[in-house]
């Protein structure tokens, strides 16, 4: 358990810089959910000079469309969505809204990695297929914007020790690439 780094939101410059690709993380605090449609709306709002429905400065977005909650639970199954679907939007949110972290699954495009290095941001990965297990880390969930988008609405989640891995750190070290290189060497 000592090898797991505790990370709490809002994210600080120091905390982000202290994370390295491959680190295991237990994420706690407030995080926000958003997928493609919500990202598109937020980027359009910024382009129009409007405020976002949530302050993303030093915050983390989890790419997820959670299942409905069962009675007595704050959220249903909430496994990660493929992150590359947000690649055209993420750099704008980092540069213009101060987004410091993203959580999803799968590799990211070079445009996202470049923005992460420029903005000192981090990309965390959760394991696909573990949505029920991840839901146990969610202590509270509420829709805060774009309710009409259903599962793609922006939600505010309070999480405790949500398990994830640093996939790409703020220096651009990429676990997906490092893992492939290591595999080819073995």
N, C-alpha and C. Protein backbone atom coordinates (compact mmCIF):
# COMPACT_ATOMS: atom_id res chain seq x y z
N UNK A 1 0.83 -1.20 0.00
CA UNK A 1 0.00 0.00 0.00
C UNK A 1 0.87 1.26 0.00
N UNK A 2 2.12 1.17 0.48
CA UNK A 2 2.98 2.35 0.53
C UNK A 2 3.43 2.81 -0.84
N UNK A 3 3.32 1.96 -1.86
CA UNK A 3 3.71 2.33 -3.21
C UNK A 3 2.63 3.14 -3.92
N UNK A 4 1.46 3.27 -3.31
CA UNK A 4 0.36 4.01 -3.91
C UNK A 4 0.44 5.46 -3.46
N UNK A 5 0.46 6.37 -4.44
CA UNK A 5 0.51 7.79 -4.13
C UNK A 5 -0.90 8.31 -3.90
N UNK A 6 -1.07 9.04 -2.81
CA UNK A 6 -2.35 9.68 -2.51
C UNK A 6 -2.39 11.00 -3.27
N UNK A 7 -3.46 11.25 -4.00
CA UNK A 7 -3.63 12.48 -4.76
C UNK A 7 -4.99 13.06 -4.42
N UNK A 8 -5.01 14.33 -4.03
CA UNK A 8 -6.25 14.99 -3.64
C UNK A 8 -6.48 16.20 -4.53
N UNK A 9 -7.74 16.39 -4.92
CA UNK A 9 -8.11 17.57 -5.69
C UNK A 9 -8.54 18.67 -4.74
N UNK A 10 -8.43 19.96 -5.16
CA UNK A 10 -7.89 20.40 -6.44
C UNK A 10 -6.40 20.08 -6.54
N UNK A 11 -5.94 19.89 -7.76
CA UNK A 11 -4.56 19.51 -8.00
C UNK A 11 -3.65 20.73 -7.87
N UNK A 12 -2.51 20.53 -7.26
CA UNK A 12 -1.53 21.60 -7.14
C UNK A 12 -0.42 21.37 -8.17
N UNK A 13 0.32 22.43 -8.48
CA UNK A 13 1.45 22.31 -9.40
C UNK A 13 2.43 21.26 -8.89
N UNK A 14 2.72 21.31 -7.59
CA UNK A 14 3.69 20.40 -6.99
C UNK A 14 3.22 18.95 -7.06
N UNK A 15 1.94 18.73 -6.75
CA UNK A 15 1.41 17.36 -6.79
C UNK A 15 1.50 16.78 -8.19
N UNK A 16 1.15 17.58 -9.19
CA UNK A 16 1.20 17.10 -10.58
C UNK A 16 2.64 16.80 -10.98
N UNK A 17 3.56 17.70 -10.64
CA UNK A 17 4.98 17.50 -10.98
C UNK A 17 5.55 16.27 -10.29
N UNK A 18 5.01 15.90 -9.14
CA UNK A 18 5.51 14.75 -8.39
C UNK A 18 5.03 13.40 -8.91
N UNK A 19 4.14 13.41 -9.88
CA UNK A 19 3.62 12.16 -10.44
C UNK A 19 4.44 11.74 -11.66
N UNK A 20 4.75 10.47 -11.74
CA UNK A 20 5.52 9.94 -12.86
C UNK A 20 4.74 8.82 -13.55
N UNK A 21 4.91 8.71 -14.85
CA UNK A 21 4.24 7.66 -15.61
C UNK A 21 4.50 6.31 -14.95
N UNK A 22 3.43 5.57 -14.73
CA UNK A 22 3.51 4.26 -14.08
C UNK A 22 3.17 4.27 -12.61
N UNK A 23 3.12 5.46 -11.98
CA UNK A 23 2.75 5.53 -10.57
C UNK A 23 1.32 5.06 -10.34
N UNK A 24 1.11 4.30 -9.29
CA UNK A 24 -0.24 3.94 -8.86
C UNK A 24 -0.76 5.06 -7.98
N UNK A 25 -2.03 5.43 -8.16
CA UNK A 25 -2.61 6.57 -7.47
C UNK A 25 -3.93 6.18 -6.82
N UNK A 26 -4.19 6.75 -5.63
CA UNK A 26 -5.49 6.69 -4.98
C UNK A 26 -6.00 8.13 -4.98
N UNK A 27 -6.99 8.41 -5.82
CA UNK A 27 -7.50 9.76 -6.04
C UNK A 27 -8.67 10.05 -5.11
N UNK A 28 -8.60 11.19 -4.42
CA UNK A 28 -9.68 11.61 -3.52
C UNK A 28 -10.00 13.08 -3.75
N UNK A 29 -11.23 13.47 -3.37
CA UNK A 29 -11.65 14.86 -3.50
C UNK A 29 -12.80 14.99 -4.48
N UNK A 30 -12.95 16.18 -5.02
CA UNK A 30 -14.00 16.46 -6.00
C UNK A 30 -13.42 16.34 -7.40
N UNK A 31 -14.10 15.59 -8.26
CA UNK A 31 -13.75 15.51 -9.67
C UNK A 31 -15.03 15.73 -10.47
N UNK A 32 -14.87 16.03 -11.74
CA UNK A 32 -16.03 16.29 -12.61
C UNK A 32 -16.05 15.28 -13.73
N UNK A 33 -17.25 14.92 -14.15
CA UNK A 33 -17.39 14.00 -15.27
C UNK A 33 -17.80 14.78 -16.51
N UNK A 34 -17.32 14.35 -17.65
CA UNK A 34 -17.73 14.95 -18.92
C UNK A 34 -17.26 14.03 -20.04
N UNK A 35 -18.09 13.97 -21.07
CA UNK A 35 -17.74 13.21 -22.27
C UNK A 35 -17.82 14.13 -23.47
N UNK A 36 -17.88 13.55 -24.64
CA UNK A 36 -17.81 14.28 -25.92
C UNK A 36 -18.74 15.49 -26.01
N UNK A 37 -20.02 15.25 -25.80
CA UNK A 37 -20.99 16.33 -25.99
C UNK A 37 -20.78 17.48 -25.01
N UNK A 38 -20.48 17.17 -23.76
CA UNK A 38 -20.23 18.21 -22.76
C UNK A 38 -18.95 18.95 -23.10
N UNK A 39 -17.92 18.24 -23.55
CA UNK A 39 -16.67 18.90 -23.95
C UNK A 39 -16.92 19.86 -25.11
N UNK A 40 -17.69 19.42 -26.08
CA UNK A 40 -17.99 20.26 -27.24
C UNK A 40 -18.68 21.55 -26.78
N UNK A 41 -19.64 21.42 -25.89
CA UNK A 41 -20.34 22.61 -25.38
C UNK A 41 -19.42 23.53 -24.60
N UNK A 42 -18.54 22.96 -23.80
CA UNK A 42 -17.63 23.81 -23.02
C UNK A 42 -16.66 24.56 -23.93
N UNK A 43 -16.12 23.89 -24.94
CA UNK A 43 -15.20 24.55 -25.86
C UNK A 43 -15.93 25.63 -26.67
N UNK A 44 -17.16 25.35 -27.07
CA UNK A 44 -17.96 26.37 -27.77
C UNK A 44 -18.23 27.57 -26.87
N UNK A 45 -18.49 27.32 -25.60
CA UNK A 45 -18.72 28.42 -24.64
C UNK A 45 -17.47 29.29 -24.51
N UNK A 46 -16.32 28.67 -24.40
CA UNK A 46 -15.08 29.42 -24.30
C UNK A 46 -14.83 30.25 -25.56
N UNK A 47 -15.09 29.63 -26.73
CA UNK A 47 -14.89 30.34 -28.00
C UNK A 47 -15.81 31.55 -28.12
N UNK A 48 -16.99 31.47 -27.51
CA UNK A 48 -17.97 32.57 -27.55
C UNK A 48 -17.71 33.59 -26.44
N UNK A 49 -16.70 33.34 -25.62
CA UNK A 49 -16.38 34.27 -24.53
C UNK A 49 -17.26 34.10 -23.30
N UNK A 50 -17.94 32.97 -23.21
CA UNK A 50 -18.83 32.71 -22.07
C UNK A 50 -18.10 31.93 -20.98
N UNK A 51 -18.63 32.02 -19.77
CA UNK A 51 -18.08 31.24 -18.65
C UNK A 51 -18.54 29.80 -18.75
N UNK A 52 -17.73 28.92 -18.22
CA UNK A 52 -18.10 27.50 -18.17
C UNK A 52 -19.05 27.27 -17.00
N UNK A 53 -19.84 26.20 -17.06
CA UNK A 53 -20.77 25.90 -15.96
C UNK A 53 -20.07 25.41 -14.70
N UNK A 54 -18.77 25.16 -14.80
CA UNK A 54 -17.98 24.70 -13.66
C UNK A 54 -16.58 25.30 -13.80
N UNK A 55 -15.99 25.69 -12.67
CA UNK A 55 -14.63 26.21 -12.67
C UNK A 55 -13.66 25.02 -12.74
N UNK A 56 -12.96 24.88 -13.85
CA UNK A 56 -12.06 23.75 -14.04
C UNK A 56 -10.62 24.04 -13.62
N UNK A 57 -10.36 25.22 -13.12
CA UNK A 57 -9.00 25.58 -12.72
C UNK A 57 -8.50 24.61 -11.64
N UNK A 58 -7.39 23.93 -11.94
CA UNK A 58 -6.76 22.94 -11.05
C UNK A 58 -7.63 21.72 -10.77
N UNK A 59 -8.60 21.47 -11.63
CA UNK A 59 -9.52 20.35 -11.43
C UNK A 59 -9.19 19.19 -12.37
N UNK A 60 -9.92 18.12 -12.19
CA UNK A 60 -9.75 16.90 -12.98
C UNK A 60 -11.09 16.48 -13.56
N UNK A 61 -11.08 16.11 -14.83
CA UNK A 61 -12.28 15.59 -15.49
C UNK A 61 -12.11 14.09 -15.69
N UNK A 62 -13.14 13.36 -15.28
CA UNK A 62 -13.20 11.91 -15.49
C UNK A 62 -14.07 11.67 -16.71
N UNK A 63 -13.53 11.00 -17.71
CA UNK A 63 -14.27 10.69 -18.93
C UNK A 63 -15.14 9.45 -18.67
N UNK A 64 -16.39 9.70 -18.32
CA UNK A 64 -17.29 8.62 -17.94
C UNK A 64 -18.73 9.02 -18.20
N UNK A 65 -19.54 8.05 -18.55
CA UNK A 65 -20.98 8.22 -18.64
C UNK A 65 -21.59 7.18 -17.71
N UNK A 66 -21.78 7.53 -16.45
CA UNK A 66 -22.18 6.53 -15.46
C UNK A 66 -23.58 5.97 -15.69
N UNK A 67 -23.75 4.74 -15.24
CA UNK A 67 -25.07 4.10 -15.25
C UNK A 67 -25.90 4.71 -14.12
N UNK A 68 -27.22 4.62 -14.23
CA UNK A 68 -28.07 5.15 -13.15
C UNK A 68 -27.77 4.46 -11.81
N UNK A 69 -27.92 5.24 -10.77
CA UNK A 69 -27.67 4.72 -9.42
C UNK A 69 -28.79 3.80 -8.98
N UNK A 70 -28.43 2.76 -8.26
CA UNK A 70 -29.42 1.90 -7.62
C UNK A 70 -29.83 2.57 -6.32
N UNK A 71 -31.00 2.23 -5.78
CA UNK A 71 -31.44 2.84 -4.52
C UNK A 71 -30.36 2.73 -3.43
N UNK A 72 -30.12 3.85 -2.77
CA UNK A 72 -29.14 3.88 -1.69
C UNK A 72 -27.70 4.07 -2.13
N UNK A 73 -27.46 4.16 -3.45
CA UNK A 73 -26.11 4.36 -3.96
C UNK A 73 -26.01 5.72 -4.65
N UNK A 74 -24.86 6.38 -4.58
CA UNK A 74 -24.72 7.69 -5.21
C UNK A 74 -24.61 7.63 -6.73
N UNK A 75 -24.16 6.48 -7.27
CA UNK A 75 -23.92 6.36 -8.71
C UNK A 75 -23.95 4.89 -9.09
N UNK A 76 -24.23 4.64 -10.35
CA UNK A 76 -24.16 3.27 -10.85
C UNK A 76 -22.75 2.97 -11.33
N UNK A 77 -22.62 1.92 -12.09
CA UNK A 77 -21.32 1.55 -12.64
C UNK A 77 -20.74 2.74 -13.40
N UNK A 78 -19.45 2.99 -13.20
CA UNK A 78 -18.86 4.19 -13.82
C UNK A 78 -17.44 3.93 -14.29
N UNK A 79 -17.35 3.06 -15.29
CA UNK A 79 -16.04 2.76 -15.88
C UNK A 79 -15.63 3.83 -16.87
N UNK A 80 -14.33 3.95 -17.13
CA UNK A 80 -13.81 5.00 -17.99
C UNK A 80 -14.21 4.84 -19.46
N UNK A 81 -14.33 5.99 -20.11
CA UNK A 81 -14.61 6.07 -21.54
C UNK A 81 -13.27 6.27 -22.27
N UNK A 82 -13.22 5.85 -23.52
CA UNK A 82 -12.03 6.04 -24.34
C UNK A 82 -11.69 7.52 -24.44
N UNK A 83 -10.53 7.88 -23.95
CA UNK A 83 -10.13 9.28 -23.81
C UNK A 83 -9.85 9.98 -25.13
N UNK A 84 -9.39 9.27 -26.12
CA UNK A 84 -9.03 9.91 -27.39
C UNK A 84 -10.20 10.65 -28.02
N UNK A 85 -11.42 10.31 -27.63
CA UNK A 85 -12.60 11.02 -28.15
C UNK A 85 -12.63 12.47 -27.68
N UNK A 86 -11.88 12.81 -26.64
CA UNK A 86 -11.83 14.18 -26.14
C UNK A 86 -10.56 14.91 -26.55
N UNK A 87 -9.75 14.29 -27.40
CA UNK A 87 -8.45 14.86 -27.77
C UNK A 87 -8.54 16.21 -28.46
N UNK A 88 -9.58 16.46 -29.22
CA UNK A 88 -9.69 17.77 -29.89
C UNK A 88 -10.12 18.87 -28.93
N UNK A 89 -10.64 18.51 -27.77
CA UNK A 89 -11.13 19.49 -26.79
C UNK A 89 -10.19 19.71 -25.61
N UNK A 90 -9.49 18.68 -25.19
CA UNK A 90 -8.68 18.74 -23.96
C UNK A 90 -7.64 19.86 -23.97
N UNK A 91 -6.90 20.08 -25.06
CA UNK A 91 -5.90 21.16 -25.01
C UNK A 91 -6.53 22.54 -24.75
N UNK A 92 -7.70 22.78 -25.30
CA UNK A 92 -8.39 24.06 -25.07
C UNK A 92 -8.74 24.21 -23.59
N UNK A 93 -9.24 23.15 -22.99
CA UNK A 93 -9.63 23.21 -21.57
C UNK A 93 -8.41 23.37 -20.67
N UNK A 94 -7.28 22.77 -21.04
CA UNK A 94 -6.07 22.96 -20.24
C UNK A 94 -5.57 24.39 -20.37
N UNK A 95 -5.50 24.88 -21.61
CA UNK A 95 -4.91 26.21 -21.85
C UNK A 95 -5.83 27.36 -21.42
N UNK A 96 -7.11 27.23 -21.64
CA UNK A 96 -8.01 28.35 -21.38
C UNK A 96 -8.77 28.26 -20.07
N UNK A 97 -8.98 27.04 -19.56
CA UNK A 97 -9.77 26.89 -18.33
C UNK A 97 -8.94 26.40 -17.15
N UNK A 98 -7.67 26.07 -17.37
CA UNK A 98 -6.80 25.66 -16.28
C UNK A 98 -6.96 24.23 -15.83
N UNK A 99 -7.56 23.37 -16.66
CA UNK A 99 -7.71 21.95 -16.33
C UNK A 99 -6.34 21.34 -16.06
N UNK A 100 -6.19 20.62 -14.96
CA UNK A 100 -4.90 20.03 -14.57
C UNK A 100 -4.84 18.53 -14.69
N UNK A 101 -5.99 17.87 -14.79
CA UNK A 101 -5.97 16.42 -14.83
C UNK A 101 -7.12 15.83 -15.61
N UNK A 102 -6.86 14.67 -16.19
CA UNK A 102 -7.88 13.92 -16.92
C UNK A 102 -7.76 12.47 -16.50
N UNK A 103 -8.89 11.78 -16.47
CA UNK A 103 -8.93 10.37 -16.11
C UNK A 103 -9.80 9.65 -17.13
N UNK A 104 -9.26 8.62 -17.71
CA UNK A 104 -10.01 7.85 -18.71
C UNK A 104 -9.32 6.54 -19.00
N UNK A 105 -9.39 6.12 -20.26
CA UNK A 105 -8.67 4.91 -20.66
C UNK A 105 -8.14 5.09 -22.07
N UNK A 106 -7.02 4.45 -22.32
CA UNK A 106 -6.43 4.46 -23.65
C UNK A 106 -5.47 5.61 -23.89
N UNK A 107 -4.69 5.49 -24.97
CA UNK A 107 -3.68 6.50 -25.28
C UNK A 107 -4.28 7.83 -25.71
N UNK A 108 -3.44 8.88 -25.69
CA UNK A 108 -3.84 10.23 -26.08
C UNK A 108 -3.01 10.66 -27.28
N UNK A 109 -3.55 11.62 -28.02
CA UNK A 109 -2.84 12.16 -29.17
C UNK A 109 -1.72 13.08 -28.75
N UNK A 110 -0.80 13.33 -29.67
CA UNK A 110 0.35 14.18 -29.38
C UNK A 110 -0.08 15.60 -29.02
N UNK A 111 -1.19 16.08 -29.62
CA UNK A 111 -1.68 17.42 -29.29
C UNK A 111 -2.03 17.53 -27.80
N UNK A 112 -2.55 16.48 -27.22
CA UNK A 112 -2.89 16.47 -25.80
C UNK A 112 -1.62 16.40 -24.96
N UNK A 113 -0.70 15.55 -25.34
CA UNK A 113 0.56 15.42 -24.59
C UNK A 113 1.31 16.75 -24.61
N UNK A 114 1.36 17.41 -25.76
CA UNK A 114 2.05 18.71 -25.85
C UNK A 114 1.40 19.74 -24.92
N UNK A 115 0.07 19.77 -24.88
CA UNK A 115 -0.64 20.70 -24.00
C UNK A 115 -0.41 20.35 -22.54
N UNK A 116 -0.31 19.07 -22.22
CA UNK A 116 -0.04 18.65 -20.85
C UNK A 116 1.32 19.15 -20.38
N UNK A 117 2.33 19.02 -21.23
CA UNK A 117 3.67 19.49 -20.89
C UNK A 117 3.65 21.01 -20.71
N UNK A 118 3.01 21.70 -21.64
CA UNK A 118 2.92 23.17 -21.59
C UNK A 118 2.20 23.65 -20.33
N UNK A 119 1.14 22.94 -19.93
CA UNK A 119 0.27 23.39 -18.83
C UNK A 119 0.50 22.67 -17.51
N UNK A 120 1.51 21.78 -17.46
CA UNK A 120 1.78 21.00 -16.25
C UNK A 120 0.52 20.24 -15.81
N UNK A 121 0.04 19.38 -16.69
CA UNK A 121 -1.16 18.58 -16.43
C UNK A 121 -0.80 17.10 -16.45
N UNK A 122 -1.73 16.27 -15.98
CA UNK A 122 -1.49 14.84 -15.89
C UNK A 122 -2.69 14.08 -16.44
N UNK A 123 -2.40 12.92 -17.03
CA UNK A 123 -3.44 12.02 -17.52
C UNK A 123 -3.36 10.72 -16.74
N UNK A 124 -4.44 10.40 -16.05
CA UNK A 124 -4.55 9.17 -15.28
C UNK A 124 -5.42 8.18 -16.05
N UNK A 125 -5.12 6.91 -15.89
CA UNK A 125 -5.91 5.87 -16.55
C UNK A 125 -6.54 4.96 -15.50
N UNK A 126 -7.78 4.60 -15.78
CA UNK A 126 -8.48 3.60 -14.98
C UNK A 126 -8.66 2.38 -15.88
N UNK A 127 -8.86 1.26 -15.30
CA UNK A 127 -8.98 0.03 -16.07
C UNK A 127 -10.40 -0.14 -16.56
N UNK A 128 -10.56 -0.29 -17.86
CA UNK A 128 -11.87 -0.54 -18.43
C UNK A 128 -12.45 -1.84 -17.91
N UNK A 129 -13.74 -1.89 -17.73
CA UNK A 129 -14.39 -3.09 -17.23
C UNK A 129 -14.49 -3.15 -15.71
N UNK A 130 -13.99 -2.10 -15.04
CA UNK A 130 -14.01 -2.10 -13.58
C UNK A 130 -15.00 -1.05 -13.04
N UNK A 131 -15.99 -0.72 -13.83
CA UNK A 131 -16.94 0.34 -13.45
C UNK A 131 -17.65 0.12 -12.13
N UNK A 132 -18.02 -1.10 -11.83
CA UNK A 132 -18.71 -1.38 -10.56
C UNK A 132 -17.74 -1.15 -9.40
N UNK A 133 -16.52 -1.64 -9.55
CA UNK A 133 -15.51 -1.45 -8.51
C UNK A 133 -15.20 0.04 -8.31
N UNK A 134 -15.04 0.78 -9.40
CA UNK A 134 -14.76 2.21 -9.31
C UNK A 134 -15.91 2.94 -8.62
N UNK A 135 -17.14 2.51 -8.88
CA UNK A 135 -18.30 3.19 -8.28
C UNK A 135 -18.25 3.18 -6.75
N UNK A 136 -17.57 2.20 -6.16
CA UNK A 136 -17.46 2.14 -4.70
C UNK A 136 -16.61 3.28 -4.14
N UNK A 137 -15.78 3.90 -4.98
CA UNK A 137 -14.97 5.04 -4.54
C UNK A 137 -15.76 6.34 -4.57
N UNK A 138 -16.93 6.32 -5.22
CA UNK A 138 -17.75 7.53 -5.34
C UNK A 138 -18.66 7.62 -4.11
N UNK A 139 -18.50 8.71 -3.36
CA UNK A 139 -19.28 8.90 -2.13
C UNK A 139 -20.50 9.79 -2.35
N UNK A 140 -20.43 10.65 -3.37
CA UNK A 140 -21.54 11.55 -3.67
C UNK A 140 -21.47 11.91 -5.15
N UNK A 141 -22.62 12.05 -5.78
CA UNK A 141 -22.68 12.44 -7.20
C UNK A 141 -23.89 13.32 -7.43
N UNK A 142 -23.68 14.40 -8.21
CA UNK A 142 -24.80 15.26 -8.57
C UNK A 142 -24.56 15.87 -9.94
N UNK A 143 -25.61 15.97 -10.73
CA UNK A 143 -25.53 16.63 -12.03
C UNK A 143 -25.46 18.13 -11.78
N UNK A 144 -24.49 18.80 -12.43
CA UNK A 144 -24.37 20.23 -12.23
C UNK A 144 -24.53 21.04 -13.52
N UNK A 145 -24.50 20.36 -14.68
CA UNK A 145 -24.68 21.09 -15.94
C UNK A 145 -25.07 20.13 -17.06
N UNK A 146 -25.80 20.66 -18.02
CA UNK A 146 -26.20 19.93 -19.22
C UNK A 146 -27.00 18.66 -18.91
N UNK A 147 -27.91 18.77 -17.98
CA UNK A 147 -28.74 17.65 -17.56
C UNK A 147 -29.40 16.94 -18.73
N UNK A 148 -29.76 17.72 -19.77
CA UNK A 148 -30.43 17.14 -20.93
C UNK A 148 -29.55 16.15 -21.69
N UNK A 149 -28.25 16.11 -21.40
CA UNK A 149 -27.36 15.15 -22.07
C UNK A 149 -27.39 13.77 -21.43
N UNK A 150 -28.18 13.61 -20.39
CA UNK A 150 -28.31 12.29 -19.75
C UNK A 150 -26.99 11.83 -19.14
N UNK A 151 -26.51 10.67 -19.56
CA UNK A 151 -25.26 10.15 -18.98
C UNK A 151 -24.06 11.02 -19.31
N UNK A 152 -24.18 11.86 -20.34
CA UNK A 152 -23.06 12.74 -20.72
C UNK A 152 -23.11 14.10 -20.02
N UNK A 153 -24.06 14.30 -19.13
CA UNK A 153 -24.13 15.55 -18.36
C UNK A 153 -22.88 15.70 -17.51
N UNK A 154 -22.56 16.92 -17.13
CA UNK A 154 -21.44 17.14 -16.22
C UNK A 154 -21.91 16.86 -14.80
N UNK A 155 -21.17 16.00 -14.13
CA UNK A 155 -21.46 15.65 -12.75
C UNK A 155 -20.31 16.06 -11.86
N UNK A 156 -20.65 16.37 -10.63
CA UNK A 156 -19.65 16.64 -9.59
C UNK A 156 -19.63 15.39 -8.72
N UNK A 157 -18.48 14.74 -8.66
CA UNK A 157 -18.34 13.54 -7.85
C UNK A 157 -17.41 13.82 -6.68
N UNK A 158 -17.76 13.28 -5.54
CA UNK A 158 -16.84 13.24 -4.41
C UNK A 158 -16.33 11.81 -4.33
N UNK A 159 -15.02 11.66 -4.48
CA UNK A 159 -14.43 10.32 -4.52
C UNK A 159 -13.42 10.15 -3.39
N UNK A 160 -13.24 8.90 -3.01
CA UNK A 160 -12.26 8.55 -1.99
C UNK A 160 -11.47 7.33 -2.45
N UNK A 161 -10.18 7.53 -2.63
CA UNK A 161 -9.25 6.46 -3.01
C UNK A 161 -9.67 5.74 -4.29
N UNK A 162 -10.05 6.50 -5.30
CA UNK A 162 -10.37 5.93 -6.61
C UNK A 162 -9.05 5.45 -7.22
N UNK A 163 -8.96 4.15 -7.55
CA UNK A 163 -7.69 3.60 -8.04
C UNK A 163 -7.44 3.95 -9.52
N UNK A 164 -6.22 4.43 -9.79
CA UNK A 164 -5.84 4.73 -11.17
C UNK A 164 -4.32 4.71 -11.28
N UNK A 165 -3.85 4.90 -12.49
CA UNK A 165 -2.41 4.86 -12.80
C UNK A 165 -2.06 6.11 -13.58
N UNK A 166 -0.88 6.67 -13.34
CA UNK A 166 -0.41 7.80 -14.14
C UNK A 166 -0.01 7.24 -15.50
N UNK A 167 -0.79 7.57 -16.52
CA UNK A 167 -0.51 7.08 -17.87
C UNK A 167 0.44 8.02 -18.61
N UNK A 168 0.24 9.33 -18.43
CA UNK A 168 1.12 10.32 -19.04
C UNK A 168 1.37 11.40 -17.98
N UNK A 169 2.64 11.64 -17.68
CA UNK A 169 2.95 12.64 -16.67
C UNK A 169 3.17 14.01 -17.29
N UNK A 170 3.40 15.00 -16.45
CA UNK A 170 3.51 16.39 -16.90
C UNK A 170 4.77 16.67 -17.72
N UNK A 171 5.68 15.71 -17.77
CA UNK A 171 6.87 15.84 -18.60
C UNK A 171 6.70 15.15 -19.94
N UNK A 172 5.53 14.56 -20.16
CA UNK A 172 5.25 13.88 -21.43
C UNK A 172 5.65 12.43 -21.46
N UNK A 173 6.15 11.90 -20.33
CA UNK A 173 6.46 10.47 -20.27
C UNK A 173 5.17 9.69 -20.39
N UNK A 174 5.12 8.78 -21.33
CA UNK A 174 3.88 8.13 -21.73
C UNK A 174 3.98 6.63 -21.46
N UNK A 175 3.21 6.15 -20.51
CA UNK A 175 3.23 4.74 -20.14
C UNK A 175 2.90 3.84 -21.33
N UNK A 176 2.02 4.30 -22.21
CA UNK A 176 1.68 3.49 -23.38
C UNK A 176 2.90 3.29 -24.27
N UNK A 177 3.69 4.33 -24.45
CA UNK A 177 4.91 4.22 -25.25
C UNK A 177 6.02 3.53 -24.48
N UNK A 178 6.19 3.86 -23.20
CA UNK A 178 7.23 3.24 -22.39
C UNK A 178 7.00 1.73 -22.29
N UNK A 179 5.75 1.34 -22.12
CA UNK A 179 5.40 -0.08 -22.03
C UNK A 179 5.69 -0.83 -23.31
N UNK A 180 5.41 -0.20 -24.44
CA UNK A 180 5.68 -0.83 -25.74
C UNK A 180 7.18 -0.99 -25.94
N UNK A 181 7.96 0.07 -25.59
CA UNK A 181 9.42 -0.02 -25.73
C UNK A 181 9.98 -1.11 -24.85
N UNK A 182 9.49 -1.20 -23.60
CA UNK A 182 9.97 -2.23 -22.68
C UNK A 182 9.62 -3.61 -23.21
N UNK A 183 8.42 -3.75 -23.74
CA UNK A 183 7.98 -5.05 -24.29
C UNK A 183 8.87 -5.48 -25.45
N UNK A 184 9.21 -4.52 -26.33
CA UNK A 184 10.06 -4.84 -27.49
C UNK A 184 11.47 -5.19 -27.06
N UNK A 185 11.94 -4.63 -25.94
CA UNK A 185 13.30 -4.95 -25.45
C UNK A 185 13.36 -6.33 -24.84
N UNK A 186 12.26 -6.78 -24.24
CA UNK A 186 12.25 -8.09 -23.59
C UNK A 186 12.12 -9.15 -24.62
